[in-house]
Amino acid sequence: MAVNWKPVGLLLVGALFVQAMVLHLMGQPAICACGSVRLWAGTVLGPENSQQITDWYTPSHVIHGLLFYALGWLLLRGRSPLLALALALGIEIGWELVENSPLVIERYREQALAEGYSGDSILNSLCDTTAMLIGYWLAFRLPVRASVALALVAELFTAVMIRDNLTLNVVQLLVPSKAISAWQAEGGLYGAPTVE
């Protein structure tokens, strides 16, 4: 099936523009307060985490894309690829906006591992959405088994490296566990994590 790229491009540009504008209106900074833009912020508890282009939580956004592709496939059964992509974008951008709301930022701060968390920079948030799009594209291109394997490897890798991942992040946000918090506080290779 041939893809008409014009509506896809318009959807992506429009959605990212709206995301950036809403985050700006919410008071999120455009870039890191440090004044520089870096490809990678590898210190999980550092002030540049969730502020730069990528960080330890980028793989979780790739997993979002894998999951949202599967959701679109289940709900729409291939009837409208553009609608499926719009659904994925809507969920991801919705999460990025909710994640950067004062209520959720405060909820994260209740965890000892996220003290001082102030949300994402607009740059980081847009790059998180781009990572989701990469995961979505990978799910479109890869066999199902490869997509599942990629998600599992990403989850295991970040759990080993920083004692956090998408699964643990969701659990700690919805039903915080003292046992998980204690394990995370012991620190991984790169220190105990904050949020994405």
N, C-alpha and C. Protein backbone atom coordinates (compact mmCIF):
# COMPACT_ATOMS: atom_id res chain seq x y z
N MET A 1 0.84 -1.17 0.00
CA MET A 1 0.00 0.00 0.00
C MET A 1 0.89 1.24 0.00
N ALA A 2 0.67 2.15 -0.92
CA ALA A 2 1.43 3.38 -1.03
C ALA A 2 1.01 4.35 0.08
N VAL A 3 2.00 5.05 0.62
CA VAL A 3 1.74 6.00 1.70
C VAL A 3 1.75 7.40 1.12
N ASN A 4 0.71 8.16 1.40
CA ASN A 4 0.68 9.57 1.04
C ASN A 4 1.35 10.32 2.19
N TRP A 5 2.57 10.78 1.96
CA TRP A 5 3.38 11.36 3.03
C TRP A 5 2.95 12.76 3.43
N LYS A 6 2.24 13.48 2.58
CA LYS A 6 1.86 14.85 2.91
C LYS A 6 1.00 14.92 4.17
N PRO A 7 -0.11 14.15 4.27
CA PRO A 7 -0.89 14.23 5.52
C PRO A 7 -0.12 13.71 6.73
N VAL A 8 0.77 12.73 6.52
CA VAL A 8 1.58 12.23 7.63
C VAL A 8 2.48 13.35 8.15
N GLY A 9 3.15 14.03 7.22
CA GLY A 9 4.03 15.13 7.60
C GLY A 9 3.28 16.25 8.29
N LEU A 10 2.12 16.61 7.76
CA LEU A 10 1.31 17.66 8.38
C LEU A 10 0.86 17.26 9.77
N LEU A 11 0.46 16.00 9.94
CA LEU A 11 0.05 15.51 11.25
C LEU A 11 1.20 15.62 12.25
N LEU A 12 2.38 15.15 11.85
CA LEU A 12 3.53 15.16 12.76
C LEU A 12 3.94 16.58 13.14
N VAL A 13 4.09 17.43 12.15
CA VAL A 13 4.51 18.81 12.42
C VAL A 13 3.47 19.53 13.27
N GLY A 14 2.21 19.38 12.92
CA GLY A 14 1.14 20.03 13.67
C GLY A 14 1.07 19.56 15.12
N ALA A 15 1.17 18.25 15.30
CA ALA A 15 1.09 17.68 16.65
C ALA A 15 2.27 18.13 17.52
N LEU A 16 3.47 18.11 16.97
CA LEU A 16 4.65 18.53 17.73
C LEU A 16 4.59 20.03 18.04
N PHE A 17 4.07 20.83 17.11
CA PHE A 17 3.93 22.27 17.36
C PHE A 17 2.96 22.51 18.52
N VAL A 18 1.82 21.82 18.50
CA VAL A 18 0.84 21.97 19.58
C VAL A 18 1.46 21.54 20.91
N GLN A 19 2.17 20.42 20.91
CA GLN A 19 2.82 19.94 22.13
C GLN A 19 3.77 20.99 22.68
N ALA A 20 4.61 21.56 21.82
CA ALA A 20 5.58 22.57 22.26
C ALA A 20 4.88 23.80 22.80
N MET A 21 3.84 24.25 22.14
CA MET A 21 3.13 25.46 22.57
C MET A 21 2.44 25.25 23.92
N VAL A 22 1.80 24.09 24.09
CA VAL A 22 1.13 23.83 25.37
C VAL A 22 2.16 23.73 26.49
N LEU A 23 3.27 23.05 26.26
CA LEU A 23 4.31 22.97 27.29
C LEU A 23 4.86 24.36 27.62
N HIS A 24 5.02 25.19 26.61
CA HIS A 24 5.47 26.57 26.84
C HIS A 24 4.47 27.32 27.72
N LEU A 25 3.19 27.18 27.40
CA LEU A 25 2.15 27.85 28.20
C LEU A 25 2.08 27.30 29.62
N MET A 26 2.50 26.04 29.79
CA MET A 26 2.54 25.43 31.12
C MET A 26 3.76 25.89 31.92
N GLY A 27 4.68 26.60 31.25
CA GLY A 27 5.85 27.13 31.94
C GLY A 27 7.09 26.26 31.87
N GLN A 28 7.08 25.23 31.03
CA GLN A 28 8.26 24.38 30.91
C GLN A 28 9.33 25.12 30.10
N PRO A 29 10.60 24.97 30.49
CA PRO A 29 11.68 25.66 29.77
C PRO A 29 11.92 25.04 28.40
N ALA A 30 12.38 25.84 27.46
CA ALA A 30 12.65 25.34 26.11
C ALA A 30 13.80 24.33 26.12
N ILE A 31 14.87 24.66 26.83
CA ILE A 31 16.03 23.78 26.93
C ILE A 31 16.47 23.73 28.38
N CYS A 32 17.48 22.96 28.64
CA CYS A 32 18.06 22.82 29.98
C CYS A 32 18.44 24.19 30.55
N ALA A 33 18.23 24.37 31.84
CA ALA A 33 18.62 25.61 32.51
C ALA A 33 20.13 25.83 32.44
N CYS A 34 20.88 24.76 32.15
CA CYS A 34 22.34 24.88 32.02
C CYS A 34 22.73 25.70 30.78
N GLY A 35 21.78 25.89 29.87
CA GLY A 35 22.02 26.71 28.69
C GLY A 35 22.63 25.99 27.51
N SER A 36 22.87 24.69 27.65
CA SER A 36 23.46 23.94 26.54
C SER A 36 22.52 22.83 26.11
N VAL A 37 22.72 22.36 24.89
CA VAL A 37 21.95 21.25 24.35
C VAL A 37 22.92 20.11 24.10
N ARG A 38 22.62 18.95 24.69
CA ARG A 38 23.48 17.77 24.54
C ARG A 38 22.65 16.61 23.97
N LEU A 39 23.32 15.73 23.26
CA LEU A 39 22.65 14.55 22.72
C LEU A 39 22.25 13.59 23.83
N TRP A 40 23.07 13.49 24.89
CA TRP A 40 22.85 12.47 25.92
C TRP A 40 23.07 13.07 27.31
N ALA A 41 22.15 12.79 28.21
CA ALA A 41 22.31 13.11 29.63
C ALA A 41 22.33 11.78 30.37
N GLY A 42 23.51 11.34 30.77
CA GLY A 42 23.65 10.01 31.34
C GLY A 42 23.65 9.94 32.85
N THR A 43 23.63 11.06 33.53
CA THR A 43 23.58 11.06 34.98
C THR A 43 22.12 11.15 35.40
N VAL A 44 21.60 10.04 35.89
CA VAL A 44 20.17 9.94 36.15
C VAL A 44 19.70 10.94 37.19
N LEU A 45 20.48 11.13 38.23
CA LEU A 45 20.08 12.08 39.27
C LEU A 45 20.59 13.49 39.00
N GLY A 46 21.19 13.71 37.86
CA GLY A 46 21.74 15.02 37.54
C GLY A 46 20.69 16.01 37.07
N PRO A 47 21.04 17.28 37.08
CA PRO A 47 20.09 18.32 36.70
C PRO A 47 19.75 18.34 35.21
N GLU A 48 20.52 17.61 34.38
CA GLU A 48 20.23 17.60 32.95
C GLU A 48 19.35 16.43 32.53
N ASN A 49 19.04 15.53 33.47
CA ASN A 49 18.12 14.44 33.16
C ASN A 49 16.74 15.03 32.86
N SER A 50 16.10 14.53 31.83
CA SER A 50 14.80 15.03 31.35
C SER A 50 14.90 16.43 30.77
N GLN A 51 16.11 16.86 30.46
CA GLN A 51 16.31 18.20 29.91
C GLN A 51 16.99 18.17 28.55
N GLN A 52 17.71 17.10 28.25
CA GLN A 52 18.48 17.03 27.01
C GLN A 52 17.77 16.17 25.96
N ILE A 53 18.42 15.96 24.83
CA ILE A 53 17.80 15.25 23.71
C ILE A 53 17.43 13.82 24.09
N THR A 54 18.37 13.08 24.66
CA THR A 54 18.10 11.71 25.11
C THR A 54 18.65 11.50 26.51
N ASP A 55 18.09 10.50 27.18
CA ASP A 55 18.55 10.12 28.51
C ASP A 55 18.19 8.65 28.73
N TRP A 56 18.33 8.18 29.95
CA TRP A 56 18.05 6.78 30.23
C TRP A 56 16.59 6.40 30.03
N TYR A 57 15.71 7.38 29.91
CA TYR A 57 14.29 7.09 29.75
C TYR A 57 13.85 7.11 28.29
N THR A 58 14.74 7.42 27.38
CA THR A 58 14.41 7.39 25.96
C THR A 58 13.93 6.01 25.52
N PRO A 59 14.56 4.91 25.96
CA PRO A 59 14.05 3.59 25.55
C PRO A 59 12.60 3.34 25.93
N SER A 60 12.15 3.92 27.05
CA SER A 60 10.74 3.71 27.43
C SER A 60 9.80 4.36 26.43
N HIS A 61 10.23 5.44 25.81
CA HIS A 61 9.39 6.08 24.81
C HIS A 61 9.39 5.30 23.49
N VAL A 62 10.50 4.65 23.19
CA VAL A 62 10.52 3.74 22.04
C VAL A 62 9.52 2.61 22.29
N ILE A 63 9.50 2.10 23.51
CA ILE A 63 8.54 1.05 23.87
C ILE A 63 7.11 1.56 23.74
N HIS A 64 6.88 2.82 24.12
CA HIS A 64 5.54 3.39 23.91
C HIS A 64 5.12 3.21 22.45
N GLY A 65 6.03 3.53 21.53
CA GLY A 65 5.72 3.41 20.10
C GLY A 65 5.38 1.99 19.70
N LEU A 66 6.14 1.03 20.24
CA LEU A 66 5.85 -0.38 19.95
C LEU A 66 4.45 -0.75 20.45
N LEU A 67 4.13 -0.31 21.67
CA LEU A 67 2.83 -0.62 22.25
C LEU A 67 1.69 0.09 21.52
N PHE A 68 1.91 1.35 21.15
CA PHE A 68 0.85 2.11 20.49
C PHE A 68 0.58 1.57 19.09
N TYR A 69 1.62 1.07 18.42
CA TYR A 69 1.40 0.44 17.12
C TYR A 69 0.50 -0.79 17.30
N ALA A 70 0.81 -1.59 18.31
CA ALA A 70 -0.01 -2.79 18.58
C ALA A 70 -1.44 -2.40 18.91
N LEU A 71 -1.61 -1.34 19.71
CA LEU A 71 -2.95 -0.87 20.06
C LEU A 71 -3.73 -0.43 18.81
N GLY A 72 -3.07 0.34 17.95
CA GLY A 72 -3.71 0.77 16.71
C GLY A 72 -4.10 -0.40 15.83
N TRP A 73 -3.21 -1.38 15.77
CA TRP A 73 -3.50 -2.57 14.96
C TRP A 73 -4.70 -3.32 15.52
N LEU A 74 -4.76 -3.45 16.85
CA LEU A 74 -5.88 -4.16 17.48
C LEU A 74 -7.19 -3.42 17.30
N LEU A 75 -7.17 -2.11 17.47
CA LEU A 75 -8.41 -1.34 17.41
C LEU A 75 -8.89 -1.08 15.98
N LEU A 76 -7.94 -0.87 15.06
CA LEU A 76 -8.33 -0.45 13.71
C LEU A 76 -8.12 -1.52 12.64
N ARG A 77 -7.37 -2.57 12.97
CA ARG A 77 -7.13 -3.68 12.05
C ARG A 77 -6.70 -3.22 10.66
N GLY A 78 -5.84 -2.22 10.60
CA GLY A 78 -5.28 -1.78 9.34
C GLY A 78 -6.19 -0.94 8.48
N ARG A 79 -7.35 -0.57 8.99
CA ARG A 79 -8.31 0.20 8.18
C ARG A 79 -7.81 1.60 7.87
N SER A 80 -7.10 2.22 8.81
CA SER A 80 -6.65 3.58 8.59
C SER A 80 -5.30 3.80 9.26
N PRO A 81 -4.21 3.62 8.49
CA PRO A 81 -2.88 3.83 9.09
C PRO A 81 -2.68 5.24 9.63
N LEU A 82 -3.24 6.25 8.96
CA LEU A 82 -3.10 7.62 9.44
C LEU A 82 -3.85 7.82 10.76
N LEU A 83 -5.02 7.23 10.88
CA LEU A 83 -5.77 7.32 12.13
C LEU A 83 -5.03 6.60 13.25
N ALA A 84 -4.41 5.45 12.94
CA ALA A 84 -3.63 4.72 13.95
C ALA A 84 -2.45 5.56 14.42
N LEU A 85 -1.78 6.22 13.49
CA LEU A 85 -0.65 7.09 13.85
C LEU A 85 -1.15 8.28 14.69
N ALA A 86 -2.29 8.85 14.31
CA ALA A 86 -2.85 9.97 15.08
C ALA A 86 -3.20 9.53 16.50
N LEU A 87 -3.73 8.31 16.63
CA LEU A 87 -4.03 7.77 17.95
C LEU A 87 -2.76 7.66 18.79
N ALA A 88 -1.71 7.11 18.21
CA ALA A 88 -0.43 6.98 18.92
C ALA A 88 0.11 8.34 19.33
N LEU A 89 0.09 9.28 18.41
CA LEU A 89 0.56 10.64 18.72
C LEU A 89 -0.28 11.27 19.82
N GLY A 90 -1.58 11.10 19.74
CA GLY A 90 -2.46 11.68 20.74
C GLY A 90 -2.19 11.14 22.13
N ILE A 91 -1.99 9.83 22.22
CA ILE A 91 -1.70 9.23 23.53
C ILE A 91 -0.35 9.71 24.05
N GLU A 92 0.67 9.70 23.21
CA GLU A 92 2.00 10.11 23.65
C GLU A 92 2.03 11.58 24.06
N ILE A 93 1.47 12.43 23.23
CA ILE A 93 1.48 13.86 23.55
C ILE A 93 0.62 14.12 24.78
N GLY A 94 -0.50 13.42 24.88
CA GLY A 94 -1.33 13.55 26.08
C GLY A 94 -0.54 13.20 27.33
N TRP A 95 0.23 12.10 27.26
CA TRP A 95 1.05 11.72 28.40
C TRP A 95 2.10 12.77 28.69
N GLU A 96 2.76 13.27 27.66
CA GLU A 96 3.81 14.28 27.87
C GLU A 96 3.24 15.52 28.57
N LEU A 97 2.03 15.90 28.21
CA LEU A 97 1.40 17.07 28.85
C LEU A 97 1.00 16.75 30.29
N VAL A 98 0.40 15.59 30.50
CA VAL A 98 0.02 15.19 31.86
C VAL A 98 1.26 15.04 32.73
N GLU A 99 2.30 14.41 32.20
CA GLU A 99 3.54 14.19 32.95
C GLU A 99 4.15 15.51 33.41
N ASN A 100 3.96 16.56 32.65
CA ASN A 100 4.54 17.85 32.99
C ASN A 100 3.55 18.79 33.68
N SER A 101 2.43 18.25 34.10
CA SER A 101 1.46 19.04 34.85
C SER A 101 1.91 19.13 36.31
N PRO A 102 1.54 20.20 37.00
CA PRO A 102 1.95 20.34 38.41
C PRO A 102 1.52 19.15 39.27
N LEU A 103 0.35 18.59 39.03
CA LEU A 103 -0.14 17.47 39.83
C LEU A 103 0.78 16.25 39.71
N VAL A 104 1.16 15.88 38.47
CA VAL A 104 2.00 14.71 38.28
C VAL A 104 3.44 14.99 38.72
N ILE A 105 3.94 16.18 38.44
CA ILE A 105 5.29 16.53 38.91
C ILE A 105 5.34 16.39 40.43
N GLU A 106 4.33 16.88 41.12
CA GLU A 106 4.29 16.78 42.57
C GLU A 106 4.18 15.32 43.01
N ARG A 107 3.42 14.52 42.27
CA ARG A 107 3.29 13.09 42.59
C ARG A 107 4.65 12.40 42.48
N TYR A 108 5.40 12.73 41.42
CA TYR A 108 6.74 12.16 41.29
C TYR A 108 7.64 12.60 42.44
N ARG A 109 7.53 13.86 42.85
CA ARG A 109 8.40 14.38 43.91
C ARG A 109 8.16 13.70 45.24
N GLU A 110 7.00 13.07 45.42
CA GLU A 110 6.72 12.35 46.66
C GLU A 110 7.65 11.16 46.82
N GLN A 111 8.20 10.69 45.71
CA GLN A 111 9.15 9.58 45.76
C GLN A 111 10.53 10.14 46.05
N ALA A 112 11.23 9.50 46.95
CA ALA A 112 12.56 9.98 47.31
C ALA A 112 13.48 10.07 46.10
N LEU A 113 13.27 9.20 45.12
CA LEU A 113 14.16 9.16 43.96
C LEU A 113 13.89 10.29 42.97
N ALA A 114 12.83 11.05 43.18
CA ALA A 114 12.50 12.10 42.23
C ALA A 114 12.48 13.49 42.88
N GLU A 115 13.14 13.62 44.01
CA GLU A 115 13.20 14.92 44.66
C GLU A 115 13.83 15.93 43.70
N GLY A 116 13.23 17.08 43.61
CA GLY A 116 13.77 18.12 42.76
C GLY A 116 13.32 18.02 41.31
N TYR A 117 12.57 16.98 40.96
CA TYR A 117 12.10 16.84 39.58
C TYR A 117 11.19 18.01 39.23
N SER A 118 11.41 18.61 38.07
CA SER A 118 10.61 19.77 37.66
C SER A 118 9.96 19.55 36.30
N GLY A 119 9.96 18.34 35.82
CA GLY A 119 9.38 18.05 34.52
C GLY A 119 10.43 18.10 33.42
N ASP A 120 9.94 17.93 32.19
CA ASP A 120 10.83 17.90 31.02
C ASP A 120 11.03 19.30 30.45
N SER A 121 12.18 19.50 29.82
CA SER A 121 12.31 20.68 28.96
C SER A 121 11.44 20.40 27.73
N ILE A 122 11.08 21.44 27.01
CA ILE A 122 10.31 21.25 25.78
C ILE A 122 11.11 20.41 24.80
N LEU A 123 12.41 20.66 24.71
CA LEU A 123 13.28 19.86 23.83
C LEU A 123 13.20 18.38 24.19
N ASN A 124 13.33 18.05 25.45
CA ASN A 124 13.30 16.65 25.87
C ASN A 124 11.94 16.03 25.60
N SER A 125 10.88 16.76 25.87
CA SER A 125 9.54 16.24 25.64
C SER A 125 9.30 15.96 24.16
N LEU A 126 9.71 16.88 23.28
CA LEU A 126 9.56 16.65 21.84
C LEU A 126 10.41 15.47 21.39
N CYS A 127 11.59 15.31 21.98
CA CYS A 127 12.44 14.17 21.63
C CYS A 127 11.87 12.87 22.16
N ASP A 128 11.17 12.92 23.31
CA ASP A 128 10.47 11.74 23.81
C ASP A 128 9.39 11.31 22.82
N THR A 129 8.66 12.27 22.30
CA THR A 129 7.62 11.96 21.31
C THR A 129 8.25 11.41 20.04
N THR A 130 9.39 11.96 19.65
CA THR A 130 10.11 11.46 18.48
C THR A 130 10.57 10.02 18.71
N ALA A 131 11.03 9.72 19.93
CA ALA A 131 11.43 8.34 20.26
C ALA A 131 10.24 7.39 20.14
N MET A 132 9.05 7.86 20.56
CA MET A 132 7.84 7.05 20.39
C MET A 132 7.60 6.78 18.91
N LEU A 133 7.77 7.81 18.08
CA LEU A 133 7.58 7.64 16.64
C LEU A 133 8.57 6.64 16.05
N ILE A 134 9.79 6.64 16.56
CA ILE A 134 10.79 5.66 16.12
C ILE A 134 10.33 4.25 16.50
N GLY A 135 9.84 4.10 17.73
CA GLY A 135 9.32 2.79 18.14
C GLY A 135 8.13 2.36 17.31
N TYR A 136 7.28 3.30 16.97
CA TYR A 136 6.10 3.01 16.13
C TYR A 136 6.56 2.53 14.76
N TRP A 137 7.52 3.23 14.18
CA TRP A 137 8.05 2.86 12.86
C TRP A 137 8.71 1.48 12.92
N LEU A 138 9.47 1.22 14.00
CA LEU A 138 10.11 -0.10 14.16
C LEU A 138 9.05 -1.20 14.22
N ALA A 139 7.98 -0.96 14.97
CA ALA A 139 6.91 -1.96 15.07
C ALA A 139 6.27 -2.21 13.72
N PHE A 140 6.15 -1.16 12.92
CA PHE A 140 5.60 -1.29 11.57
C PHE A 140 6.51 -2.14 10.69
N ARG A 141 7.81 -2.01 10.86
CA ARG A 141 8.79 -2.67 10.00
C ARG A 141 9.21 -4.06 10.48
N LEU A 142 9.23 -4.27 11.78
CA LEU A 142 9.77 -5.52 12.34
C LEU A 142 8.69 -6.59 12.52
N PRO A 143 9.11 -7.84 12.51
CA PRO A 143 8.17 -8.90 12.90
C PRO A 143 7.76 -8.72 14.36
N VAL A 144 6.60 -9.23 14.72
CA VAL A 144 6.09 -9.07 16.08
C VAL A 144 7.10 -9.58 17.11
N ARG A 145 7.69 -10.73 16.86
CA ARG A 145 8.66 -11.29 17.82
C ARG A 145 9.84 -10.36 18.04
N ALA A 146 10.30 -9.72 16.99
CA ALA A 146 11.42 -8.78 17.12
C ALA A 146 11.01 -7.56 17.93
N SER A 147 9.79 -7.07 17.74
CA SER A 147 9.30 -5.93 18.52
C SER A 147 9.21 -6.29 20.00
N VAL A 148 8.68 -7.46 20.29
CA VAL A 148 8.58 -7.91 21.68
C VAL A 148 9.97 -8.06 22.28
N ALA A 149 10.88 -8.66 21.53
CA ALA A 149 12.25 -8.84 22.02
C ALA A 149 12.91 -7.49 22.29
N LEU A 150 12.72 -6.54 21.39
CA LEU A 150 13.29 -5.20 21.57
C LEU A 150 12.77 -4.56 22.85
N ALA A 151 11.48 -4.65 23.09
CA ALA A 151 10.90 -4.07 24.30
C ALA A 151 11.45 -4.74 25.56
N LEU A 152 11.55 -6.06 25.55
CA LEU A 152 12.08 -6.78 26.71
C LEU A 152 13.54 -6.45 26.97
N VAL A 153 14.34 -6.38 25.92
CA VAL A 153 15.75 -6.04 26.07
C VAL A 153 15.90 -4.63 26.64
N ALA A 154 15.11 -3.68 26.12
CA ALA A 154 15.18 -2.30 26.61
C ALA A 154 14.79 -2.23 28.09
N GLU A 155 13.74 -2.94 28.47
CA GLU A 155 13.29 -2.95 29.87
C GLU A 155 14.35 -3.56 30.79
N LEU A 156 14.89 -4.70 30.38
CA LEU A 156 15.91 -5.36 31.20
C LEU A 156 17.19 -4.54 31.29
N PHE A 157 17.61 -3.96 30.17
CA PHE A 157 18.84 -3.17 30.15
C PHE A 157 18.74 -1.97 31.09
N THR A 158 17.64 -1.21 31.00
CA THR A 158 17.54 -0.05 31.88
C THR A 158 17.33 -0.46 33.33
N ALA A 159 16.65 -1.58 33.57
CA ALA A 159 16.50 -2.06 34.95
C ALA A 159 17.86 -2.39 35.56
N VAL A 160 18.72 -3.03 34.79
CA VAL A 160 20.06 -3.38 35.27
C VAL A 160 20.93 -2.13 35.44
N MET A 161 20.87 -1.24 34.46
CA MET A 161 21.76 -0.08 34.47
C MET A 161 21.37 0.99 35.49
N ILE A 162 20.07 1.28 35.62
CA ILE A 162 19.66 2.38 36.50
C ILE A 162 18.57 2.00 37.50
N ARG A 163 18.20 0.72 37.52
CA ARG A 163 17.16 0.24 38.41
C ARG A 163 15.83 0.95 38.19
N ASP A 164 15.55 1.22 36.95
CA ASP A 164 14.27 1.80 36.58
C ASP A 164 14.00 1.47 35.13
N ASN A 165 12.75 1.49 34.75
CA ASN A 165 12.34 1.27 33.37
C ASN A 165 10.87 1.67 33.25
N LEU A 166 10.27 1.45 32.12
CA LEU A 166 8.88 1.84 31.90
C LEU A 166 7.96 1.16 32.91
N THR A 167 8.12 -0.14 33.09
CA THR A 167 7.24 -0.89 34.00
C THR A 167 7.35 -0.36 35.43
N LEU A 168 8.58 -0.21 35.91
CA LEU A 168 8.77 0.27 37.28
C LEU A 168 8.29 1.71 37.44
N ASN A 169 8.48 2.51 36.42
CA ASN A 169 8.04 3.90 36.46
C ASN A 169 6.53 3.98 36.61
N VAL A 170 5.80 3.16 35.84
CA VAL A 170 4.34 3.15 35.92
C VAL A 170 3.88 2.65 37.28
N VAL A 171 4.49 1.56 37.75
CA VAL A 171 4.12 1.02 39.07
C VAL A 171 4.32 2.07 40.15
N GLN A 172 5.48 2.72 40.13
CA GLN A 172 5.79 3.70 41.18
C GLN A 172 4.92 4.94 41.09
N LEU A 173 4.43 5.26 39.92
CA LEU A 173 3.53 6.41 39.78
C LEU A 173 2.12 6.07 40.28
N LEU A 174 1.63 4.87 39.93
CA LEU A 174 0.25 4.50 40.25
C LEU A 174 0.08 3.90 41.64
N VAL A 175 0.95 2.96 42.00
CA VAL A 175 0.86 2.29 43.30
C VAL A 175 2.27 2.14 43.88
N PRO A 176 2.81 3.22 44.41
CA PRO A 176 4.20 3.18 44.89
C PRO A 176 4.46 2.04 45.86
N SER A 177 5.60 1.40 45.64
CA SER A 177 6.01 0.27 46.48
C SER A 177 7.27 0.65 47.25
N LYS A 178 7.21 0.49 48.57
CA LYS A 178 8.39 0.78 49.38
C LYS A 178 9.53 -0.17 49.05
N ALA A 179 9.21 -1.40 48.72
CA ALA A 179 10.25 -2.38 48.37
C ALA A 179 10.98 -1.97 47.10
N ILE A 180 10.22 -1.51 46.09
CA ILE A 180 10.86 -1.06 44.85
C ILE A 180 11.68 0.19 45.11
N SER A 181 11.13 1.11 45.90
CA SER A 181 11.86 2.34 46.23
C SER A 181 13.17 2.03 46.93
N ALA A 182 13.13 1.09 47.87
CA ALA A 182 14.35 0.73 48.60
C ALA A 182 15.38 0.12 47.65
N TRP A 183 14.93 -0.77 46.77
CA TRP A 183 15.84 -1.38 45.80
C TRP A 183 16.45 -0.33 44.88
N GLN A 184 15.61 0.60 44.42
CA GLN A 184 16.11 1.66 43.55
C GLN A 184 17.08 2.56 44.28
N ALA A 185 16.81 2.85 45.55
CA ALA A 185 17.67 3.74 46.32
C ALA A 185 19.07 3.16 46.53
N GLU A 186 19.18 1.83 46.47
CA GLU A 186 20.50 1.20 46.58
C GLU A 186 21.37 1.58 45.39
N GLY A 187 20.73 1.97 44.29
CA GLY A 187 21.45 2.49 43.13
C GLY A 187 21.97 1.43 42.21
N GLY A 188 21.92 1.75 40.93
CA GLY A 188 22.49 0.89 39.90
C GLY A 188 23.83 1.46 39.47
N LEU A 189 24.28 1.07 38.33
CA LEU A 189 25.57 1.52 37.81
C LEU A 189 25.64 3.03 37.70
N TYR A 190 24.54 3.66 37.34
CA TYR A 190 24.54 5.11 37.14
C TYR A 190 23.74 5.83 38.22
N GLY A 191 23.60 5.22 39.39
CA GLY A 191 22.90 5.87 40.48
C GLY A 191 21.41 5.64 40.43
N ALA A 192 20.75 5.98 41.49
CA ALA A 192 19.31 5.80 41.56
C ALA A 192 18.62 6.74 40.60
N PRO A 193 17.53 6.29 40.00
CA PRO A 193 16.88 7.06 38.94
C PRO A 193 15.92 8.11 39.44
N THR A 194 15.64 9.06 38.56
CA THR A 194 14.50 9.96 38.75
C THR A 194 13.49 9.54 37.70
N VAL A 195 12.69 10.46 37.21
CA VAL A 195 11.66 10.11 36.24
C VAL A 195 12.07 10.53 34.85
N GLU A 196 11.29 10.11 33.88
CA GLU A 196 11.65 10.39 32.47
C GLU A 196 11.44 11.81 32.08
